[in-house]
Each structure stands twice: as structure tokens, then as C-alpha cells.
Amino acid sequence: MISPETLRRYPFFNFMTPDQLREIAVITEEVEADADSTIFEMGAPADALYFVQEGGVDLIYVVSDTLKTRITQEFRIGSINAGEILGISALVEPHELTAAAETTAHSRLLRIDAPALRRLIEKDPALAYRLQQRVSRALMERLQATRVELLAATNAVP
């Protein structure tokens, strides 16, 4: 459990009532990870929603050719910085992580228990609506960043 005041520092939570902040704080913990630590693996159940407090995290997409060459290749597809959300799949069905996450430096994160958070939003439609708005905005920002990176990569080839 953390203090609700910790959550207030993040614009992502600024719509919440004091009661909602307290409920979220009860299911949130602070975690630390050394540089180059894996926070979660692609394909794993999304059991937590994270916020980076300090440090940074790279998102990694893993592509495997299991039929012919049996080659696996990792692609860094984005960076998550302090103050940003991570593990969005925790609030998007089927609640399976679509990328791996690895710290780029010693990092401190807020870890919100996803099953408990989903139970909270099931009983509070206003909270559910506003959280989904915030998650949708974060997803759109990531999509736009991915489009820019894809454009840069395709234009870099002569």
C-alpha cells in the first residue's frame, strides 16, 4: 500500500475522488528494479499496471519464426519515461501483455494489482469510464510514436 498523495502527483489520476485514490492506493506498491531488469514478458498475463516514478523502461517486441529457421529476434519498439504508464494490457482484454518491458536504468515504479483494479472498476462505472479514457489516450500516443518510428525506418532504407 502507498499513500494516496503519491498517486496525486501523476496527472493520470487527477480526475479521481479522494475515495477512489484511497482504493487505488491500497492495491498499489512501490517496486524497484536494477538496470536491464525484465519487468514483464510478452505473452504473460497482464497482472499489473505500472507507472514509472524514476528511471526508464524499453518496450520490446519479440518475433519468432518457429516453422523454418527457429530464429527469434527482439525489437525495441518504444520507451517509457518517468510519469508514464506501463502494462496497459492490464485494462484491455484479453489482459495479455503484447510486449516485454526492460529497465534502461535503475528504476522505481508503482505497481497496481490488475485483478484488484478490475474489480474496483466493475463496481464503479465512473472510475471505469475515466480510466479507459486515460488508457485510450496512452494507446493512441504509443500508436502515433510507432507510426513515426516505422516511417523513419522505411525511409532510412535507400
N, C-alpha and C. Protein backbone atom coordinates (compact mmCIF):
# COMPACT_ATOMS: atom_id res chain seq x y z
N MET A 1 0.85 -1.19 0.00
CA MET A 1 0.00 0.00 0.00
C MET A 1 0.89 1.24 0.00
N ILE A 2 0.43 2.25 -0.74
CA ILE A 2 1.14 3.53 -0.77
C ILE A 2 0.19 4.62 -0.29
N SER A 3 0.71 5.81 -0.16
CA SER A 3 -0.11 6.95 0.22
C SER A 3 -0.90 7.45 -1.00
N PRO A 4 -2.16 7.82 -0.82
CA PRO A 4 -2.90 8.42 -1.93
C PRO A 4 -2.21 9.67 -2.47
N GLU A 5 -1.43 10.34 -1.64
CA GLU A 5 -0.70 11.54 -2.08
C GLU A 5 0.30 11.20 -3.18
N THR A 6 0.86 10.00 -3.14
CA THR A 6 1.79 9.57 -4.18
C THR A 6 1.08 9.53 -5.53
N LEU A 7 -0.14 9.02 -5.55
CA LEU A 7 -0.90 8.95 -6.80
C LEU A 7 -1.27 10.34 -7.31
N ARG A 8 -1.53 11.25 -6.41
CA ARG A 8 -1.91 12.62 -6.80
C ARG A 8 -0.85 13.32 -7.63
N ARG A 9 0.39 12.88 -7.52
CA ARG A 9 1.50 13.50 -8.26
C ARG A 9 1.40 13.26 -9.77
N TYR A 10 0.61 12.29 -10.16
CA TYR A 10 0.54 11.91 -11.56
C TYR A 10 -0.75 12.44 -12.20
N PRO A 11 -0.63 13.18 -13.30
CA PRO A 11 -1.82 13.69 -13.98
C PRO A 11 -2.82 12.60 -14.36
N PHE A 12 -2.31 11.39 -14.58
CA PHE A 12 -3.18 10.28 -14.95
C PHE A 12 -4.30 10.08 -13.94
N PHE A 13 -4.05 10.39 -12.66
CA PHE A 13 -5.00 10.15 -11.58
C PHE A 13 -5.77 11.40 -11.16
N ASN A 14 -5.57 12.55 -11.82
CA ASN A 14 -6.13 13.80 -11.30
C ASN A 14 -7.66 13.90 -11.35
N PHE A 15 -8.32 13.00 -11.99
CA PHE A 15 -9.79 13.02 -12.04
C PHE A 15 -10.43 12.28 -10.86
N MET A 16 -9.64 11.54 -10.11
CA MET A 16 -10.19 10.67 -9.07
C MET A 16 -10.60 11.43 -7.83
N THR A 17 -11.66 10.92 -7.24
CA THR A 17 -12.11 11.45 -5.95
C THR A 17 -11.15 10.96 -4.86
N PRO A 18 -11.17 11.59 -3.68
CA PRO A 18 -10.33 11.09 -2.58
C PRO A 18 -10.60 9.62 -2.25
N ASP A 19 -11.85 9.20 -2.30
CA ASP A 19 -12.17 7.79 -2.02
C ASP A 19 -11.57 6.87 -3.07
N GLN A 20 -11.69 7.25 -4.34
CA GLN A 20 -11.11 6.44 -5.41
C GLN A 20 -9.59 6.35 -5.27
N LEU A 21 -8.96 7.47 -4.95
CA LEU A 21 -7.50 7.46 -4.76
C LEU A 21 -7.10 6.52 -3.62
N ARG A 22 -7.85 6.54 -2.55
CA ARG A 22 -7.56 5.65 -1.42
C ARG A 22 -7.70 4.18 -1.84
N GLU A 23 -8.77 3.88 -2.59
CA GLU A 23 -8.97 2.49 -3.03
C GLU A 23 -7.82 2.02 -3.92
N ILE A 24 -7.37 2.88 -4.81
CA ILE A 24 -6.26 2.53 -5.71
C ILE A 24 -4.96 2.41 -4.90
N ALA A 25 -4.74 3.31 -3.94
CA ALA A 25 -3.52 3.29 -3.14
C ALA A 25 -3.39 1.98 -2.36
N VAL A 26 -4.50 1.43 -1.91
CA VAL A 26 -4.48 0.19 -1.15
C VAL A 26 -3.95 -0.97 -1.98
N ILE A 27 -4.17 -0.95 -3.29
CA ILE A 27 -3.74 -2.06 -4.15
C ILE A 27 -2.47 -1.73 -4.94
N THR A 28 -1.78 -0.68 -4.51
CA THR A 28 -0.56 -0.24 -5.18
C THR A 28 0.65 -0.39 -4.26
N GLU A 29 1.76 -0.78 -4.85
CA GLU A 29 3.02 -0.86 -4.11
C GLU A 29 4.13 -0.23 -4.93
N GLU A 30 5.16 0.23 -4.24
CA GLU A 30 6.35 0.73 -4.93
C GLU A 30 7.32 -0.42 -5.10
N VAL A 31 7.89 -0.52 -6.31
CA VAL A 31 8.88 -1.56 -6.58
C VAL A 31 10.10 -0.90 -7.23
N GLU A 32 11.25 -1.53 -7.06
CA GLU A 32 12.48 -1.05 -7.66
C GLU A 32 13.06 -2.15 -8.52
N ALA A 33 13.79 -1.74 -9.57
CA ALA A 33 14.44 -2.70 -10.44
C ALA A 33 15.77 -2.12 -10.91
N ASP A 34 16.79 -2.95 -10.94
CA ASP A 34 18.09 -2.52 -11.45
C ASP A 34 18.03 -2.34 -12.96
N ALA A 35 19.02 -1.69 -13.50
CA ALA A 35 19.12 -1.54 -14.95
C ALA A 35 19.14 -2.91 -15.61
N ASP A 36 18.54 -2.99 -16.78
CA ASP A 36 18.48 -4.22 -17.58
C ASP A 36 17.68 -5.33 -16.92
N SER A 37 16.75 -4.98 -16.05
CA SER A 37 15.86 -5.96 -15.42
C SER A 37 14.59 -6.10 -16.25
N THR A 38 14.08 -7.29 -16.32
CA THR A 38 12.83 -7.54 -17.01
C THR A 38 11.68 -7.30 -16.04
N ILE A 39 10.77 -6.42 -16.43
CA ILE A 39 9.59 -6.14 -15.61
C ILE A 39 8.51 -7.18 -15.92
N PHE A 40 8.31 -7.44 -17.22
CA PHE A 40 7.38 -8.49 -17.62
C PHE A 40 7.74 -8.98 -19.01
N GLU A 41 7.22 -10.16 -19.35
CA GLU A 41 7.49 -10.81 -20.63
C GLU A 41 6.28 -10.71 -21.55
N MET A 42 6.55 -10.62 -22.82
CA MET A 42 5.49 -10.61 -23.83
C MET A 42 4.71 -11.93 -23.75
N GLY A 43 3.38 -11.84 -23.81
CA GLY A 43 2.53 -13.02 -23.79
C GLY A 43 2.09 -13.45 -22.40
N ALA A 44 2.70 -12.87 -21.37
CA ALA A 44 2.33 -13.22 -20.00
C ALA A 44 1.01 -12.56 -19.63
N PRO A 45 0.31 -13.09 -18.64
CA PRO A 45 -0.91 -12.42 -18.17
C PRO A 45 -0.57 -11.02 -17.64
N ALA A 46 -1.41 -10.06 -17.94
CA ALA A 46 -1.21 -8.67 -17.50
C ALA A 46 -1.77 -8.54 -16.09
N ASP A 47 -0.94 -8.84 -15.11
CA ASP A 47 -1.40 -8.86 -13.72
C ASP A 47 -1.12 -7.57 -12.97
N ALA A 48 -0.55 -6.56 -13.67
CA ALA A 48 -0.27 -5.29 -13.01
C ALA A 48 -0.24 -4.15 -14.02
N LEU A 49 -0.60 -2.98 -13.54
CA LEU A 49 -0.48 -1.73 -14.28
C LEU A 49 0.63 -0.96 -13.56
N TYR A 50 1.56 -0.37 -14.32
CA TYR A 50 2.72 0.29 -13.73
C TYR A 50 2.76 1.76 -14.11
N PHE A 51 3.42 2.54 -13.23
CA PHE A 51 3.79 3.92 -13.54
C PHE A 51 5.26 4.05 -13.19
N VAL A 52 6.02 4.59 -14.12
CA VAL A 52 7.44 4.79 -13.88
C VAL A 52 7.60 6.05 -13.04
N GLN A 53 8.20 5.91 -11.85
CA GLN A 53 8.47 7.06 -11.00
C GLN A 53 9.84 7.66 -11.32
N GLU A 54 10.83 6.79 -11.46
CA GLU A 54 12.19 7.20 -11.80
C GLU A 54 12.78 6.15 -12.71
N GLY A 55 13.69 6.58 -13.58
CA GLY A 55 14.34 5.65 -14.48
C GLY A 55 13.60 5.59 -15.80
N GLY A 56 13.68 4.45 -16.45
CA GLY A 56 13.03 4.29 -17.74
C GLY A 56 12.90 2.82 -18.10
N VAL A 57 12.02 2.57 -19.05
CA VAL A 57 11.72 1.20 -19.47
C VAL A 57 11.61 1.18 -20.99
N ASP A 58 12.22 0.19 -21.61
CA ASP A 58 12.04 -0.04 -23.04
C ASP A 58 11.01 -1.14 -23.24
N LEU A 59 10.15 -0.95 -24.24
CA LEU A 59 9.21 -1.99 -24.65
C LEU A 59 9.87 -2.79 -25.76
N ILE A 60 9.77 -4.10 -25.66
CA ILE A 60 10.45 -4.99 -26.61
C ILE A 60 9.44 -5.94 -27.21
N TYR A 61 9.42 -5.99 -28.54
CA TYR A 61 8.53 -6.91 -29.25
C TYR A 61 9.39 -8.07 -29.75
N VAL A 62 8.95 -9.28 -29.49
CA VAL A 62 9.71 -10.47 -29.85
C VAL A 62 9.02 -11.17 -31.02
N VAL A 63 9.82 -11.41 -32.07
CA VAL A 63 9.30 -12.10 -33.25
C VAL A 63 10.04 -13.43 -33.38
N SER A 64 9.28 -14.50 -33.51
CA SER A 64 9.88 -15.83 -33.63
C SER A 64 9.38 -16.52 -34.88
N ASP A 65 10.31 -17.14 -35.60
CA ASP A 65 9.96 -17.99 -36.73
C ASP A 65 10.10 -19.42 -36.22
N THR A 66 9.00 -20.00 -35.80
CA THR A 66 9.06 -21.35 -35.22
C THR A 66 8.94 -22.46 -36.26
N LEU A 67 8.61 -22.07 -37.50
CA LEU A 67 8.41 -23.11 -38.51
C LEU A 67 9.68 -23.47 -39.26
N LYS A 68 10.42 -22.47 -39.76
CA LYS A 68 11.56 -22.78 -40.62
C LYS A 68 12.90 -22.58 -39.92
N THR A 69 13.22 -21.35 -39.60
CA THR A 69 14.57 -21.05 -39.12
C THR A 69 14.71 -21.12 -37.60
N ARG A 70 13.62 -21.13 -36.90
CA ARG A 70 13.63 -21.13 -35.45
C ARG A 70 14.43 -19.96 -34.87
N ILE A 71 14.42 -18.86 -35.58
CA ILE A 71 15.13 -17.64 -35.16
C ILE A 71 14.17 -16.76 -34.37
N THR A 72 14.68 -16.20 -33.30
CA THR A 72 13.93 -15.24 -32.51
C THR A 72 14.68 -13.93 -32.55
N GLN A 73 13.94 -12.84 -32.79
CA GLN A 73 14.57 -11.53 -32.84
C GLN A 73 13.76 -10.55 -31.99
N GLU A 74 14.48 -9.70 -31.25
CA GLU A 74 13.84 -8.69 -30.41
C GLU A 74 13.96 -7.32 -31.07
N PHE A 75 12.88 -6.55 -30.97
CA PHE A 75 12.86 -5.18 -31.49
C PHE A 75 12.44 -4.24 -30.38
N ARG A 76 13.21 -3.22 -30.14
CA ARG A 76 12.83 -2.18 -29.17
C ARG A 76 11.83 -1.28 -29.88
N ILE A 77 10.61 -1.24 -29.35
CA ILE A 77 9.54 -0.54 -30.05
C ILE A 77 9.05 0.72 -29.35
N GLY A 78 9.68 1.05 -28.24
CA GLY A 78 9.27 2.26 -27.55
C GLY A 78 9.93 2.40 -26.21
N SER A 79 9.91 3.61 -25.70
CA SER A 79 10.49 3.90 -24.38
C SER A 79 9.43 4.51 -23.49
N ILE A 80 9.43 4.11 -22.25
CA ILE A 80 8.51 4.65 -21.25
C ILE A 80 9.37 5.41 -20.24
N ASN A 81 9.02 6.66 -20.01
CA ASN A 81 9.80 7.53 -19.14
C ASN A 81 9.06 7.80 -17.84
N ALA A 82 9.75 8.48 -16.93
CA ALA A 82 9.16 8.82 -15.64
C ALA A 82 7.83 9.53 -15.84
N GLY A 83 6.82 9.11 -15.07
CA GLY A 83 5.49 9.69 -15.14
C GLY A 83 4.56 9.02 -16.13
N GLU A 84 5.06 8.03 -16.86
CA GLU A 84 4.24 7.38 -17.89
C GLU A 84 3.76 6.01 -17.42
N ILE A 85 2.68 5.57 -18.05
CA ILE A 85 2.01 4.31 -17.73
C ILE A 85 2.66 3.16 -18.51
N LEU A 86 2.59 1.98 -17.92
CA LEU A 86 3.21 0.79 -18.48
C LEU A 86 2.32 -0.41 -18.14
N GLY A 87 2.22 -1.36 -19.05
CA GLY A 87 1.39 -2.54 -18.78
C GLY A 87 -0.09 -2.28 -19.02
N ILE A 88 -0.38 -1.48 -20.03
CA ILE A 88 -1.75 -1.07 -20.34
C ILE A 88 -2.67 -2.27 -20.58
N SER A 89 -2.09 -3.37 -21.02
CA SER A 89 -2.89 -4.58 -21.27
C SER A 89 -3.64 -5.05 -20.03
N ALA A 90 -3.24 -4.57 -18.86
CA ALA A 90 -3.94 -4.92 -17.62
C ALA A 90 -5.39 -4.45 -17.64
N LEU A 91 -5.68 -3.42 -18.46
CA LEU A 91 -7.04 -2.89 -18.54
C LEU A 91 -7.70 -3.12 -19.90
N VAL A 92 -7.02 -3.89 -20.76
CA VAL A 92 -7.55 -4.15 -22.10
C VAL A 92 -7.60 -5.66 -22.31
N GLU A 93 -8.80 -6.17 -22.58
CA GLU A 93 -8.93 -7.61 -22.81
C GLU A 93 -8.14 -8.00 -24.04
N PRO A 94 -7.53 -9.16 -24.06
CA PRO A 94 -7.70 -10.29 -23.14
C PRO A 94 -6.74 -10.28 -21.95
N HIS A 95 -6.24 -9.11 -21.58
CA HIS A 95 -5.35 -8.95 -20.43
C HIS A 95 -4.09 -9.79 -20.58
N GLU A 96 -3.50 -9.74 -21.78
CA GLU A 96 -2.25 -10.44 -22.08
C GLU A 96 -1.25 -9.40 -22.59
N LEU A 97 -0.03 -9.44 -22.08
CA LEU A 97 0.98 -8.44 -22.42
C LEU A 97 1.44 -8.60 -23.87
N THR A 98 1.46 -7.50 -24.60
CA THR A 98 1.78 -7.52 -26.03
C THR A 98 3.24 -7.16 -26.32
N ALA A 99 4.01 -6.90 -25.30
CA ALA A 99 5.44 -6.63 -25.43
C ALA A 99 6.10 -6.98 -24.11
N ALA A 100 7.40 -7.12 -24.15
CA ALA A 100 8.18 -7.28 -22.92
C ALA A 100 8.61 -5.90 -22.47
N ALA A 101 8.99 -5.77 -21.20
CA ALA A 101 9.46 -4.49 -20.67
C ALA A 101 10.76 -4.71 -19.91
N GLU A 102 11.76 -3.89 -20.25
CA GLU A 102 13.08 -4.00 -19.63
C GLU A 102 13.55 -2.62 -19.20
N THR A 103 14.05 -2.51 -17.99
CA THR A 103 14.51 -1.22 -17.49
C THR A 103 15.79 -0.79 -18.22
N THR A 104 15.90 0.51 -18.43
CA THR A 104 17.09 1.08 -19.09
C THR A 104 18.06 1.64 -18.06
N ALA A 105 17.61 1.79 -16.83
CA ALA A 105 18.41 2.31 -15.72
C ALA A 105 17.76 1.82 -14.44
N HIS A 106 18.44 2.03 -13.31
CA HIS A 106 17.79 1.71 -12.06
C HIS A 106 16.46 2.46 -12.02
N SER A 107 15.38 1.77 -11.72
CA SER A 107 14.05 2.37 -11.83
C SER A 107 13.21 2.10 -10.59
N ARG A 108 12.35 3.07 -10.29
CA ARG A 108 11.32 2.91 -9.27
C ARG A 108 9.99 3.01 -9.97
N LEU A 109 9.09 2.08 -9.64
CA LEU A 109 7.78 2.02 -10.29
C LEU A 109 6.69 1.85 -9.26
N LEU A 110 5.50 2.33 -9.63
CA LEU A 110 4.29 2.00 -8.88
C LEU A 110 3.68 0.80 -9.57
N ARG A 111 3.34 -0.21 -8.80
CA ARG A 111 2.73 -1.43 -9.35
C ARG A 111 1.32 -1.56 -8.77
N ILE A 112 0.33 -1.47 -9.65
CA ILE A 112 -1.07 -1.58 -9.24
C ILE A 112 -1.56 -2.98 -9.60
N ASP A 113 -2.09 -3.70 -8.62
CA ASP A 113 -2.59 -5.05 -8.83
C ASP A 113 -3.76 -5.01 -9.81
N ALA A 114 -3.59 -5.61 -10.98
CA ALA A 114 -4.60 -5.52 -12.04
C ALA A 114 -5.91 -6.22 -11.71
N PRO A 115 -5.91 -7.45 -11.21
CA PRO A 115 -7.21 -8.07 -10.88
C PRO A 115 -8.00 -7.25 -9.87
N ALA A 116 -7.30 -6.72 -8.85
CA ALA A 116 -7.99 -5.88 -7.86
C ALA A 116 -8.50 -4.60 -8.49
N LEU A 117 -7.72 -4.01 -9.40
CA LEU A 117 -8.16 -2.80 -10.09
C LEU A 117 -9.38 -3.08 -10.95
N ARG A 118 -9.38 -4.20 -11.64
CA ARG A 118 -10.55 -4.56 -12.46
C ARG A 118 -11.80 -4.77 -11.60
N ARG A 119 -11.62 -5.32 -10.42
CA ARG A 119 -12.77 -5.47 -9.51
C ARG A 119 -13.29 -4.10 -9.07
N LEU A 120 -12.38 -3.17 -8.81
CA LEU A 120 -12.81 -1.81 -8.43
C LEU A 120 -13.60 -1.14 -9.55
N ILE A 121 -13.13 -1.27 -10.77
CA ILE A 121 -13.84 -0.57 -11.86
C ILE A 121 -15.15 -1.26 -12.22
N GLU A 122 -15.27 -2.54 -11.91
CA GLU A 122 -16.56 -3.22 -12.14
C GLU A 122 -17.65 -2.63 -11.26
N LYS A 123 -17.30 -2.20 -10.07
CA LYS A 123 -18.31 -1.65 -9.17
C LYS A 123 -18.42 -0.13 -9.24
N ASP A 124 -17.57 0.53 -10.01
CA ASP A 124 -17.58 1.99 -10.12
C ASP A 124 -17.50 2.39 -11.60
N PRO A 125 -18.66 2.47 -12.29
CA PRO A 125 -18.66 2.78 -13.72
C PRO A 125 -17.99 4.12 -14.07
N ALA A 126 -18.10 5.11 -13.19
CA ALA A 126 -17.46 6.40 -13.46
C ALA A 126 -15.94 6.25 -13.48
N LEU A 127 -15.42 5.49 -12.53
CA LEU A 127 -13.99 5.23 -12.49
C LEU A 127 -13.56 4.45 -13.74
N ALA A 128 -14.33 3.45 -14.10
CA ALA A 128 -14.02 2.64 -15.28
C ALA A 128 -13.96 3.51 -16.53
N TYR A 129 -14.94 4.38 -16.70
CA TYR A 129 -15.00 5.24 -17.87
C TYR A 129 -13.78 6.14 -17.96
N ARG A 130 -13.45 6.81 -16.86
CA ARG A 130 -12.33 7.75 -16.87
C ARG A 130 -10.99 7.04 -17.04
N LEU A 131 -10.84 5.87 -16.42
CA LEU A 131 -9.60 5.11 -16.61
C LEU A 131 -9.45 4.68 -18.06
N GLN A 132 -10.54 4.23 -18.66
CA GLN A 132 -10.46 3.82 -20.07
C GLN A 132 -10.14 5.01 -20.98
N GLN A 133 -10.63 6.19 -20.64
CA GLN A 133 -10.26 7.39 -21.40
C GLN A 133 -8.75 7.60 -21.35
N ARG A 134 -8.19 7.50 -20.15
CA ARG A 134 -6.75 7.72 -19.97
C ARG A 134 -5.93 6.65 -20.68
N VAL A 135 -6.36 5.41 -20.57
CA VAL A 135 -5.66 4.32 -21.23
C VAL A 135 -5.75 4.48 -22.74
N SER A 136 -6.91 4.86 -23.25
CA SER A 136 -7.07 5.06 -24.69
C SER A 136 -6.15 6.16 -25.19
N ARG A 137 -6.02 7.22 -24.43
CA ARG A 137 -5.12 8.32 -24.81
C ARG A 137 -3.68 7.81 -24.87
N ALA A 138 -3.26 7.03 -23.87
CA ALA A 138 -1.90 6.49 -23.86
C ALA A 138 -1.68 5.55 -25.05
N LEU A 139 -2.68 4.73 -25.36
CA LEU A 139 -2.57 3.83 -26.51
C LEU A 139 -2.43 4.61 -27.81
N MET A 140 -3.19 5.66 -27.96
CA MET A 140 -3.11 6.48 -29.19
C MET A 140 -1.74 7.16 -29.31
N GLU A 141 -1.20 7.62 -28.19
CA GLU A 141 0.13 8.23 -28.21
C GLU A 141 1.18 7.20 -28.62
N ARG A 142 1.06 5.98 -28.12
CA ARG A 142 2.01 4.93 -28.49
C ARG A 142 1.87 4.55 -29.95
N LEU A 143 0.63 4.48 -30.43
CA LEU A 143 0.41 4.17 -31.84
C LEU A 143 1.05 5.23 -32.73
N GLN A 144 0.87 6.50 -32.38
CA GLN A 144 1.46 7.57 -33.16
C GLN A 144 2.99 7.48 -33.15
N ALA A 145 3.57 7.21 -31.99
CA ALA A 145 5.03 7.09 -31.90
C ALA A 145 5.52 5.91 -32.75
N THR A 146 4.77 4.82 -32.75
CA THR A 146 5.14 3.66 -33.55
C THR A 146 5.07 3.98 -35.04
N ARG A 147 4.08 4.73 -35.44
CA ARG A 147 3.97 5.14 -36.85
C ARG A 147 5.16 6.00 -37.27
N VAL A 148 5.57 6.90 -36.40
CA VAL A 148 6.72 7.75 -36.70
C VAL A 148 7.98 6.91 -36.84
N GLU A 149 8.18 5.96 -35.91
CA GLU A 149 9.35 5.10 -35.98
C GLU A 149 9.33 4.23 -37.23
N LEU A 150 8.17 3.72 -37.59
CA LEU A 150 8.04 2.90 -38.79
C LEU A 150 8.35 3.72 -40.03
N LEU A 151 7.83 4.93 -40.09
CA LEU A 151 8.11 5.82 -41.22
C LEU A 151 9.59 6.11 -41.32
N ALA A 152 10.23 6.41 -40.19
CA ALA A 152 11.67 6.68 -40.19
C ALA A 152 12.46 5.47 -40.65
N ALA A 153 12.05 4.28 -40.21
CA ALA A 153 12.77 3.07 -40.60
C ALA A 153 12.60 2.76 -42.08
N THR A 154 11.41 2.97 -42.63
CA THR A 154 11.20 2.67 -44.04
C THR A 154 11.83 3.70 -44.95
N ASN A 155 11.96 4.93 -44.49
CA ASN A 155 12.62 5.97 -45.28
C ASN A 155 14.12 5.93 -45.15
N ALA A 156 14.65 5.21 -44.16
CA ALA A 156 16.09 5.12 -43.96
C ALA A 156 16.72 4.15 -44.96
N VAL A 157 15.92 3.27 -45.55
CA VAL A 157 16.43 2.30 -46.49
C VAL A 157 16.45 2.93 -47.88
N PRO A 158 17.64 2.94 -48.54
CA PRO A 158 17.72 3.56 -49.89
C PRO A 158 17.00 2.77 -50.95
